[in-house]
PDB file of N, CA and C in Angstrom:
ATOM      1  N   UNK A   1    -142.493 238.355  34.274  1.00  0.00           N
ATOM      2  CA  UNK A   1    -144.162 238.571  33.862  1.00  0.00           C
ATOM      3  C   UNK A   1    -144.094 239.633  34.492  1.00  0.00           C
ATOM      4  N   UNK A   2    -144.399 238.911  36.150  1.00  0.00           N
ATOM      5  CA  UNK A   2    -143.421 239.673  37.337  1.00  0.00           C
ATOM      6  C   UNK A   2    -142.469 241.898  36.695  1.00  0.00           C
ATOM      7  N   UNK A   3    -141.705 240.962  36.493  1.00  0.00           N
ATOM      8  CA  UNK A   3    -140.968 241.712  36.359  1.00  0.00           C
ATOM      9  C   UNK A   3    -141.404 242.333  34.624  1.00  0.00           C
ATOM     10  N   UNK A   4    -141.510 242.873  33.738  1.00  0.00           N
ATOM     11  CA  UNK A   4    -142.575 243.383  33.048  1.00  0.00           C
ATOM     12  C   UNK A   4    -143.088 243.987  32.714  1.00  0.00           C
ATOM     13  N   UNK A   5    -143.888 243.648  34.174  1.00  0.00           N
ATOM     14  CA  UNK A   5    -145.246 244.808  35.400  1.00  0.00           C
ATOM     15  C   UNK A   5    -144.088 245.719  35.602  1.00  0.00           C
ATOM     16  N   UNK A   6    -142.798 245.754  36.625  1.00  0.00           N
ATOM     17  CA  UNK A   6    -142.374 246.475  37.316  1.00  0.00           C
ATOM     18  C   UNK A   6    -141.702 247.063  37.429  1.00  0.00           C
ATOM     19  N   UNK A   7    -141.312 247.434  35.434  1.00  0.00           N
ATOM     20  CA  UNK A   7    -139.658 247.398  35.242  1.00  0.00           C
ATOM     21  C   UNK A   7    -139.277 247.717  33.904  1.00  0.00           C
ATOM     22  N   UNK A   8    -141.016 247.279  32.583  1.00  0.00           N
ATOM     23  CA  UNK A   8    -140.082 248.112  31.849  1.00  0.00           C
ATOM     24  C   UNK A   8    -141.597 248.454  31.319  1.00  0.00           C
ATOM     25  N   UNK A   9    -141.548 250.050  30.723  1.00  0.00           N
ATOM     26  CA  UNK A   9    -141.651 251.631  30.530  1.00  0.00           C
ATOM     27  C   UNK A   9    -142.503 251.061  29.403  1.00  0.00           C
ATOM     28  N   UNK A  10    -142.083 250.032  28.593  1.00  0.00           N
ATOM     29  CA  UNK A  10    -142.980 250.221  27.237  1.00  0.00           C
ATOM     30  C   UNK A  10    -144.206 249.108  27.134  1.00  0.00           C
ATOM     31  N   UNK A  11    -144.621 249.124  28.689  1.00  0.00           N
ATOM     32  CA  UNK A  11    -145.659 247.966  28.364  1.00  0.00           C
ATOM     33  C   UNK A  11    -146.851 249.349  29.085  1.00  0.00           C
ATOM     34  N   UNK A  12    -147.078 250.373  29.255  1.00  0.00           N
ATOM     35  CA  UNK A  12    -148.417 251.072  29.962  1.00  0.00           C
ATOM     36  C   UNK A  12    -149.252 250.998  30.015  1.00  0.00           C
ATOM     37  N   UNK A  13    -150.074 250.033  29.192  1.00  0.00           N
ATOM     38  CA  UNK A  13    -151.060 248.800  29.516  1.00  0.00           C
ATOM     39  C   UNK A  13    -151.710 248.813  30.543  1.00  0.00           C
ATOM     40  N   UNK A  14    -150.630 247.693  31.346  1.00  0.00           N
ATOM     41  CA  UNK A  14    -150.144 246.702  31.849  1.00  0.00           C
ATOM     42  C   UNK A  14    -149.722 247.752  33.604  1.00  0.00           C
ATOM     43  N   UNK A  15    -149.052 249.196  32.921  1.00  0.00           N
ATOM     44  CA  UNK A  15    -149.122 249.088  34.561  1.00  0.00           C
ATOM     45  C   UNK A  15    -150.121 250.184  34.502  1.00  0.00           C
ATOM     46  N   UNK A  16    -150.852 251.081  33.257  1.00  0.00           N
ATOM     47  CA  UNK A  16    -151.591 251.304  34.227  1.00  0.00           C
ATOM     48  C   UNK A  16    -153.108 251.896  32.674  1.00  0.00           C
ATOM     49  N   UNK A  17    -154.143 251.739  33.719  1.00  0.00           N
ATOM     50  CA  UNK A  17    -155.197 252.006  32.744  1.00  0.00           C
ATOM     51  C   UNK A  17    -156.620 250.587  32.953  1.00  0.00           C
ATOM     52  N   UNK A  18    -155.621 249.066  32.940  1.00  0.00           N
ATOM     53  CA  UNK A  18    -156.453 248.480  33.003  1.00  0.00           C
ATOM     54  C   UNK A  18    -156.196 247.718  33.673  1.00  0.00           C
ATOM     55  N   UNK A  19    -156.718 247.801  34.712  1.00  0.00           N
ATOM     56  CA  UNK A  19    -156.624 247.100  36.128  1.00  0.00           C
ATOM     57  C   UNK A  19    -156.600 245.164  35.659  1.00  0.00           C
ATOM     58  N   UNK A  20    -157.536 245.211  35.444  1.00  0.00           N
ATOM     59  CA  UNK A  20    -158.527 242.978  35.577  1.00  0.00           C
ATOM     60  C   UNK A  20    -156.972 242.421  34.392  1.00  0.00           C
ATOM     61  N   UNK A  21    -156.474 243.302  32.999  1.00  0.00           N
ATOM     62  CA  UNK A  21    -155.283 242.739  32.362  1.00  0.00           C
ATOM     63  C   UNK A  21    -153.606 242.745  33.159  1.00  0.00           C
ATOM     64  N   UNK A  22    -154.069 243.242  34.056  1.00  0.00           N
ATOM     65  CA  UNK A  22    -152.760 243.535  34.893  1.00  0.00           C
ATOM     66  C   UNK A  22    -152.824 242.113  36.090  1.00  0.00           C
ATOM     67  N   UNK A  23    -153.713 242.242  36.362  1.00  0.00           N
ATOM     68  CA  UNK A  23    -154.538 241.020  37.651  1.00  0.00           C
ATOM     69  C   UNK A  23    -154.045 240.595  36.728  1.00  0.00           C
ATOM     70  N   UNK A  24    -154.530 240.625  35.634  1.00  0.00           N
ATOM     71  CA  UNK A  24    -154.745 238.057  34.400  1.00  0.00           C
ATOM     72  C   UNK A  24    -152.954 238.382  35.250  1.00  0.00           C
ATOM     73  N   UNK A  25    -152.234 238.981  34.504  1.00  0.00           N
ATOM     74  CA  UNK A  25    -150.505 238.734  34.023  1.00  0.00           C
ATOM     75  C   UNK A  25    -150.439 238.539  35.067  1.00  0.00           C
ATOM     76  N   UNK A  26    -150.127 239.109  36.336  1.00  0.00           N
ATOM     77  CA  UNK A  26    -150.303 239.875  37.625  1.00  0.00           C
ATOM     78  C   UNK A  26    -150.264 237.244  38.169  1.00  0.00           C
ATOM     79  N   UNK A  27    -150.899 237.616  37.959  1.00  0.00           N
ATOM     80  CA  UNK A  27    -151.981 235.810  38.148  1.00  0.00           C
ATOM     81  C   UNK A  27    -151.583 235.380  37.375  1.00  0.00           C
ATOM     82  N   UNK A  28    -151.107 234.959  36.157  1.00  0.00           N
ATOM     83  CA  UNK A  28    -150.040 233.931  35.130  1.00  0.00           C
ATOM     84  C   UNK A  28    -148.445 233.981  35.665  1.00  0.00           C
ATOM     85  N   UNK A  29    -147.877 235.382  36.422  1.00  0.00           N
ATOM     86  CA  UNK A  29    -146.933 235.182  36.259  1.00  0.00           C
ATOM     87  C   UNK A  29    -146.389 234.529  37.804  1.00  0.00           C
ATOM     88  N   UNK A  30    -147.491 234.131  39.036  1.00  0.00           N
ATOM     89  CA  UNK A  30    -147.426 233.412  39.481  1.00  0.00           C
ATOM     90  C   UNK A  30    -147.872 231.765  39.104  1.00  0.00           C
ATOM     91  N   UNK A  31    -148.751 231.790  38.625  1.00  0.00           N
ATOM     92  CA  UNK A  31    -148.720 230.437  37.895  1.00  0.00           C
ATOM     93  C   UNK A  31    -146.898 229.928  37.475  1.00  0.00           C
ATOM     94  N   UNK A  32    -146.985 231.216  37.030  1.00  0.00           N
ATOM     95  CA  UNK A  32    -145.954 229.932  36.099  1.00  0.00           C
ATOM     96  C   UNK A  32    -145.071 230.029  37.198  1.00  0.00           C
ATOM     97  N   UNK A  33    -144.389 230.974  37.833  1.00  0.00           N
ATOM     98  CA  UNK A  33    -142.997 230.689  38.878  1.00  0.00           C
ATOM     99  C   UNK A  33    -143.822 228.855  39.611  1.00  0.00           C
ATOM    100  N   UNK A  34    -144.367 228.957  40.495  1.00  0.00           N
ATOM    101  CA  UNK A  34    -144.945 227.737  40.800  1.00  0.00           C
ATOM    102  C   UNK A  34    -144.371 226.763  39.636  1.00  0.00           C
ATOM    103  N   UNK A  35    -144.981 226.729  38.734  1.00  0.00           N
ATOM    104  CA  UNK A  35    -145.031 225.980  37.663  1.00  0.00           C
ATOM    105  C   UNK A  35    -143.395 225.202  37.919  1.00  0.00           C
ATOM    106  N   UNK A  36    -142.521 226.959  37.342  1.00  0.00           N
ATOM    107  CA  UNK A  36    -141.104 226.048  37.409  1.00  0.00           C
ATOM    108  C   UNK A  36    -140.507 226.137  38.617  1.00  0.00           C
ATOM    109  N   UNK A  37    -140.757 226.010  39.629  1.00  0.00           N
ATOM    110  CA  UNK A  37    -140.433 225.512  41.020  1.00  0.00           C
ATOM    111  C   UNK A  37    -141.036 224.183  41.318  1.00  0.00           C
ATOM    112  N   UNK A  38    -142.320 223.699  40.677  1.00  0.00           N
ATOM    113  CA  UNK A  38    -142.898 222.272  41.075  1.00  0.00           C
ATOM    114  C   UNK A  38    -141.379 221.680  40.670  1.00  0.00           C
ATOM    115  N   UNK A  39    -141.271 221.930  38.551  1.00  0.00           N
ATOM    116  CA  UNK A  39    -139.792 220.978  37.753  1.00  0.00           C
ATOM    117  C   UNK A  39    -138.546 221.486  38.473  1.00  0.00           C
ATOM    118  N   UNK A  40    -138.683 222.995  38.867  1.00  0.00           N
ATOM    119  CA  UNK A  40    -136.705 222.898  39.676  1.00  0.00           C
ATOM    120  C   UNK A  40    -137.046 221.550  40.993  1.00  0.00           C
ATOM    121  N   UNK A  41    -138.038 221.637  41.895  1.00  0.00           N
ATOM    122  CA  UNK A  41    -137.897 220.394  42.557  1.00  0.00           C
ATOM    123  C   UNK A  41    -138.055 218.909  42.253  1.00  0.00           C
ATOM    124  N   UNK A  42    -138.539 218.817  40.908  1.00  0.00           N
ATOM    125  CA  UNK A  42    -139.233 217.644  40.297  1.00  0.00           C
ATOM    126  C   UNK A  42    -137.846 216.822  39.071  1.00  0.00           C
ATOM    127  N   UNK A  43    -136.606 218.152  39.499  1.00  0.00           N
ATOM    128  CA  UNK A  43    -135.195 217.240  39.388  1.00  0.00           C
ATOM    129  C   UNK A  43    -135.360 217.888  36.963  1.00  0.00           C
ATOM    130  N   UNK A  44    -136.113 218.686  36.939  1.00  0.00           N
ATOM    131  CA  UNK A  44    -136.163 218.395  35.161  1.00  0.00           C
ATOM    132  C   UNK A  44    -136.457 219.251  34.806  1.00  0.00           C
ATOM    133  N   UNK A  45    -136.105 220.755  35.915  1.00  0.00           N
ATOM    134  CA  UNK A  45    -135.555 222.116  34.979  1.00  0.00           C
ATOM    135  C   UNK A  45    -133.858 222.844  35.886  1.00  0.00           C
ATOM    136  N   UNK A  46    -133.681 223.269  35.140  1.00  0.00           N
ATOM    137  CA  UNK A  46    -132.296 223.487  35.957  1.00  0.00           C
ATOM    138  C   UNK A  46    -132.621 224.634  36.902  1.00  0.00           C
ATOM    139  N   UNK A  47    -131.457 223.951  37.901  1.00  0.00           N
ATOM    140  CA  UNK A  47    -132.459 224.784  39.358  1.00  0.00           C
ATOM    141  C   UNK A  47    -132.070 227.090  38.785  1.00  0.00           C
ATOM    142  N   UNK A  48    -131.464 227.375  38.061  1.00  0.00           N
ATOM    143  CA  UNK A  48    -131.606 228.761  37.917  1.00  0.00           C
ATOM    144  C   UNK A  48    -132.375 229.414  36.121  1.00  0.00           C
ATOM    145  N   UNK A  49    -133.584 228.523  36.801  1.00  0.00           N
ATOM    146  CA  UNK A  49    -134.573 228.701  35.846  1.00  0.00           C
ATOM    147  C   UNK A  49    -135.224 230.221  35.708  1.00  0.00           C
ATOM    148  N   UNK A  50    -136.148 230.504  36.099  1.00  0.00           N
ATOM    149  CA  UNK A  50    -136.985 230.902  36.633  1.00  0.00           C
ATOM    150  C   UNK A  50    -138.471 231.405  36.086  1.00  0.00           C
ATOM    151  N   UNK A  51    -139.915 231.475  36.168  1.00  0.00           N
ATOM    152  CA  UNK A  51    -140.863 231.462  35.190  1.00  0.00           C
ATOM    153  C   UNK A  51    -141.063 232.698  34.269  1.00  0.00           C
ATOM    154  N   UNK A  52    -139.812 233.565  34.911  1.00  0.00           N
ATOM    155  CA  UNK A  52    -139.625 235.051  33.622  1.00  0.00           C
ATOM    156  C   UNK A  52    -138.791 235.086  33.216  1.00  0.00           C
ATOM    157  N   UNK A  53    -138.038 233.809  33.039  1.00  0.00           N
ATOM    158  CA  UNK A  53    -137.163 233.459  32.001  1.00  0.00           C
ATOM    159  C   UNK A  53    -138.564 232.450  30.880  1.00  0.00           C
ATOM    160  N   UNK A  54    -138.705 231.707  32.032  1.00  0.00           N
ATOM    161  CA  UNK A  54    -139.734 230.621  30.865  1.00  0.00           C
ATOM    162  C   UNK A  54    -140.360 231.892  29.779  1.00  0.00           C
ATOM    163  N   UNK A  55    -141.336 233.256  30.294  1.00  0.00           N
ATOM    164  CA  UNK A  55    -141.677 233.966  29.680  1.00  0.00           C
ATOM    165  C   UNK A  55    -141.448 234.946  28.785  1.00  0.00           C
ATOM    166  N   UNK A  56    -139.703 235.422  28.483  1.00  0.00           N
ATOM    167  CA  UNK A  56    -139.514 235.952  28.275  1.00  0.00           C
ATOM    168  C   UNK A  56    -139.474 234.307  26.501  1.00  0.00           C
ATOM    169  N   UNK A  57    -138.814 233.319  26.820  1.00  0.00           N
ATOM    170  CA  UNK A  57    -138.781 232.557  26.231  1.00  0.00           C
ATOM    171  C   UNK A  57    -139.506 231.860  24.780  1.00  0.00           C
ATOM    172  N   UNK A  58    -141.111 232.179  25.562  1.00  0.00           N
ATOM    173  CA  UNK A  58    -141.953 231.655  25.074  1.00  0.00           C
ATOM    174  C   UNK A  58    -142.728 233.080  23.781  1.00  0.00           C
ATOM    175  N   UNK A  59    -142.066 234.442  24.691  1.00  0.00           N
ATOM    176  CA  UNK A  59    -142.940 235.222  23.500  1.00  0.00           C
ATOM    177  C   UNK A  59    -141.487 235.484  22.724  1.00  0.00           C
ATOM    178  N   UNK A  60    -140.576 235.035  22.602  1.00  0.00           N
ATOM    179  CA  UNK A  60    -138.742 234.859  22.185  1.00  0.00           C
ATOM    180  C   UNK A  60    -139.670 233.633  20.773  1.00  0.00           C
ATOM    181  N   UNK A  61    -140.197 232.614  21.411  1.00  0.00           N
ATOM    182  CA  UNK A  61    -140.219 231.145  20.675  1.00  0.00           C
ATOM    183  C   UNK A  61    -142.073 231.894  20.091  1.00  0.00           C
ATOM    184  N   UNK A  62    -142.777 232.904  20.641  1.00  0.00           N
ATOM    185  CA  UNK A  62    -143.188 233.299  18.889  1.00  0.00           C
ATOM    186  C   UNK A  62    -143.178 234.456  18.694  1.00  0.00           C
ATOM    187  N   UNK A  63    -142.350 234.727  18.363  1.00  0.00           N
ATOM    188  CA  UNK A  63    -141.556 236.277  17.234  1.00  0.00           C
ATOM    189  C   UNK A  63    -141.255 234.268  16.489  1.00  0.00           C
ATOM    190  N   UNK A  64    -140.194 233.998  16.832  1.00  0.00           N
ATOM    191  CA  UNK A  64    -138.933 233.481  16.141  1.00  0.00           C
ATOM    192  C   UNK A  64    -140.308 232.646  14.822  1.00  0.00           C
ATOM    193  N   UNK A  65    -141.137 231.918  15.168  1.00  0.00           N
ATOM    194  CA  UNK A  65    -141.833 231.628  14.410  1.00  0.00           C
ATOM    195  C   UNK A  65    -143.048 232.013  13.609  1.00  0.00           C
ATOM    196  N   UNK A  66    -142.855 233.343  13.669  1.00  0.00           N
ATOM    197  CA  UNK A  66    -143.168 234.120  12.771  1.00  0.00           C
ATOM    198  C   UNK A  66    -142.841 235.366  12.362  1.00  0.00           C
ATOM    199  N   UNK A  67    -140.918 234.911  12.237  1.00  0.00           N
ATOM    200  CA  UNK A  67    -139.899 235.533  10.861  1.00  0.00           C
ATOM    201  C   UNK A  67    -138.875 234.485  10.216  1.00  0.00           C
ATOM    202  N   UNK A  68    -138.363 232.979  10.789  1.00  0.00           N
ATOM    203  CA  UNK A  68    -137.471 232.114  10.613  1.00  0.00           C
ATOM    204  C   UNK A  68    -139.089 231.347   9.864  1.00  0.00           C
ATOM    205  N   UNK A  69    -138.187 229.996   9.385  1.00  0.00           N
ATOM    206  CA  UNK A  69    -138.379 229.361   8.887  1.00  0.00           C
ATOM    207  C   UNK A  69    -138.888 228.572   9.532  1.00  0.00           C
ATOM    208  N   UNK A  70    -139.671 227.310   9.105  1.00  0.00           N
ATOM    209  CA  UNK A  70    -140.694 226.182  10.288  1.00  0.00           C
ATOM    210  C   UNK A  70    -139.027 225.909  10.739  1.00  0.00           C
ATOM    211  N   UNK A  71    -138.309 224.837  10.393  1.00  0.00           N
ATOM    212  CA  UNK A  71    -137.302 224.112  10.898  1.00  0.00           C
ATOM    213  C   UNK A  71    -136.007 225.472  11.438  1.00  0.00           C
ATOM    214  N   UNK A  72    -136.072 226.349  11.205  1.00  0.00           N
ATOM    215  CA  UNK A  72    -135.115 227.564  12.151  1.00  0.00           C
ATOM    216  C   UNK A  72    -135.065 227.429  12.980  1.00  0.00           C
ATOM    217  N   UNK A  73    -137.005 228.130  13.511  1.00  0.00           N
ATOM    218  CA  UNK A  73    -137.781 227.597  13.695  1.00  0.00           C
ATOM    219  C   UNK A  73    -137.143 226.659  15.644  1.00  0.00           C
ATOM    220  N   UNK A  74    -137.686 225.417  14.936  1.00  0.00           N
ATOM    221  CA  UNK A  74    -137.681 224.730  15.430  1.00  0.00           C
ATOM    222  C   UNK A  74    -136.449 224.027  16.561  1.00  0.00           C
ATOM    223  N   UNK A  75    -135.219 224.686  15.340  1.00  0.00           N
ATOM    224  CA  UNK A  75    -134.115 224.342  16.033  1.00  0.00           C
ATOM    225  C   UNK A  75    -133.208 224.233  16.766  1.00  0.00           C
ATOM    226  N   UNK A  76    -134.640 226.110  17.185  1.00  0.00           N
ATOM    227  CA  UNK A  76    -133.897 227.229  18.109  1.00  0.00           C
ATOM    228  C   UNK A  76    -134.419 226.941  19.433  1.00  0.00           C
ATOM    229  N   UNK A  77    -135.819 226.832  19.408  1.00  0.00           N
ATOM    230  CA  UNK A  77    -136.693 225.909  20.568  1.00  0.00           C
ATOM    231  C   UNK A  77    -136.271 225.326  21.118  1.00  0.00           C
ATOM    232  N   UNK A  78    -135.841 223.799  20.103  1.00  0.00           N
ATOM    233  CA  UNK A  78    -134.383 223.232  20.885  1.00  0.00           C
ATOM    234  C   UNK A  78    -133.833 223.623  21.138  1.00  0.00           C
ATOM    235  N   UNK A  79    -132.919 224.233  20.498  1.00  0.00           N
ATOM    236  CA  UNK A  79    -131.658 224.598  20.939  1.00  0.00           C
ATOM    237  C   UNK A  79    -131.941 224.683  23.524  1.00  0.00           C
ATOM    238  N   UNK A  80    -132.834 226.177  22.901  1.00  0.00           N
ATOM    239  CA  UNK A  80    -132.648 226.424  23.734  1.00  0.00           C
ATOM    240  C   UNK A  80    -133.610 225.226  24.967  1.00  0.00           C
ATOM    241  N   UNK A  81    -134.911 224.507  25.183  1.00  0.00           N
ATOM    242  CA  UNK A  81    -135.415 223.459  25.231  1.00  0.00           C
ATOM    243  C   UNK A  81    -133.661 223.056  25.914  1.00  0.00           C
ATOM    244  N   UNK A  82    -133.230 223.320  26.016  1.00  0.00           N
ATOM    245  CA  UNK A  82    -131.739 221.526  25.885  1.00  0.00           C
ATOM    246  C   UNK A  82    -130.970 221.833  26.995  1.00  0.00           C
ATOM    247  N   UNK A  83    -130.655 223.972  26.717  1.00  0.00           N
ATOM    248  CA  UNK A  83    -130.108 224.781  27.725  1.00  0.00           C
ATOM    249  C   UNK A  83    -131.599 224.957  29.449  1.00  0.00           C
ATOM    250  N   UNK A  84    -132.543 224.806  29.357  1.00  0.00           N
ATOM    251  CA  UNK A  84    -132.909 224.721  30.382  1.00  0.00           C
ATOM    252  C   UNK A  84    -133.364 223.192  31.166  1.00  0.00           C
ATOM    253  N   UNK A  85    -133.561 222.127  30.462  1.00  0.00           N
ATOM    254  CA  UNK A  85    -133.492 221.019  30.973  1.00  0.00           C
ATOM    255  C   UNK A  85    -132.512 221.052  32.139  1.00  0.00           C
ATOM    256  N   UNK A  86    -132.398 220.402  33.290  1.00  0.00           N
ATOM    257  CA  UNK A  86    -132.101 219.984  33.919  1.00  0.00           C
ATOM    258  C   UNK A  86    -130.958 218.736  33.964  1.00  0.00           C
ATOM    259  N   UNK A  87    -129.613 218.808  34.100  1.00  0.00           N
ATOM    260  CA  UNK A  87    -128.943 217.381  33.310  1.00  0.00           C
ATOM    261  C   UNK A  87    -129.219 216.572  33.394  1.00  0.00           C
ATOM    262  N   UNK A  88    -128.659 215.211  33.509  1.00  0.00           N
ATOM    263  CA  UNK A  88    -129.263 213.828  33.331  1.00  0.00           C
ATOM    264  C   UNK A  88    -127.322 213.688  34.020  1.00  0.00           C
ATOM    265  N   UNK A  89    -128.323 212.806  35.065  1.00  0.00           N
ATOM    266  CA  UNK A  89    -127.261 211.756  35.660  1.00  0.00           C
ATOM    267  C   UNK A  89    -126.920 210.796  35.349  1.00  0.00           C
ATOM    268  N   UNK A  90    -125.680 209.612  34.720  1.00  0.00           N
ATOM    269  CA  UNK A  90    -125.531 208.388  34.706  1.00  0.00           C
ATOM    270  C   UNK A  90    -125.143 207.255  34.942  1.00  0.00           C
TER     271      UNK A  90
END
């Protein structure tokens, strides 16, 4: 999310005029980064996954759920989750 706030010109509301929204988004991004870091430390999430990745994928999942069948959306979310989870050692 922090990337979106600093790099994407498509979010003018976050860049100007709404400081409370910007602050809320920055807090949410910080919390997401900390949650992802804890999941990586616990071995539950791939080491190369970042908070910004999770937020982007959540947005994609929301879009998918509105534009595709439930079965297709479930399949794509499952594929994504399987790619994010840390590999298990047998």
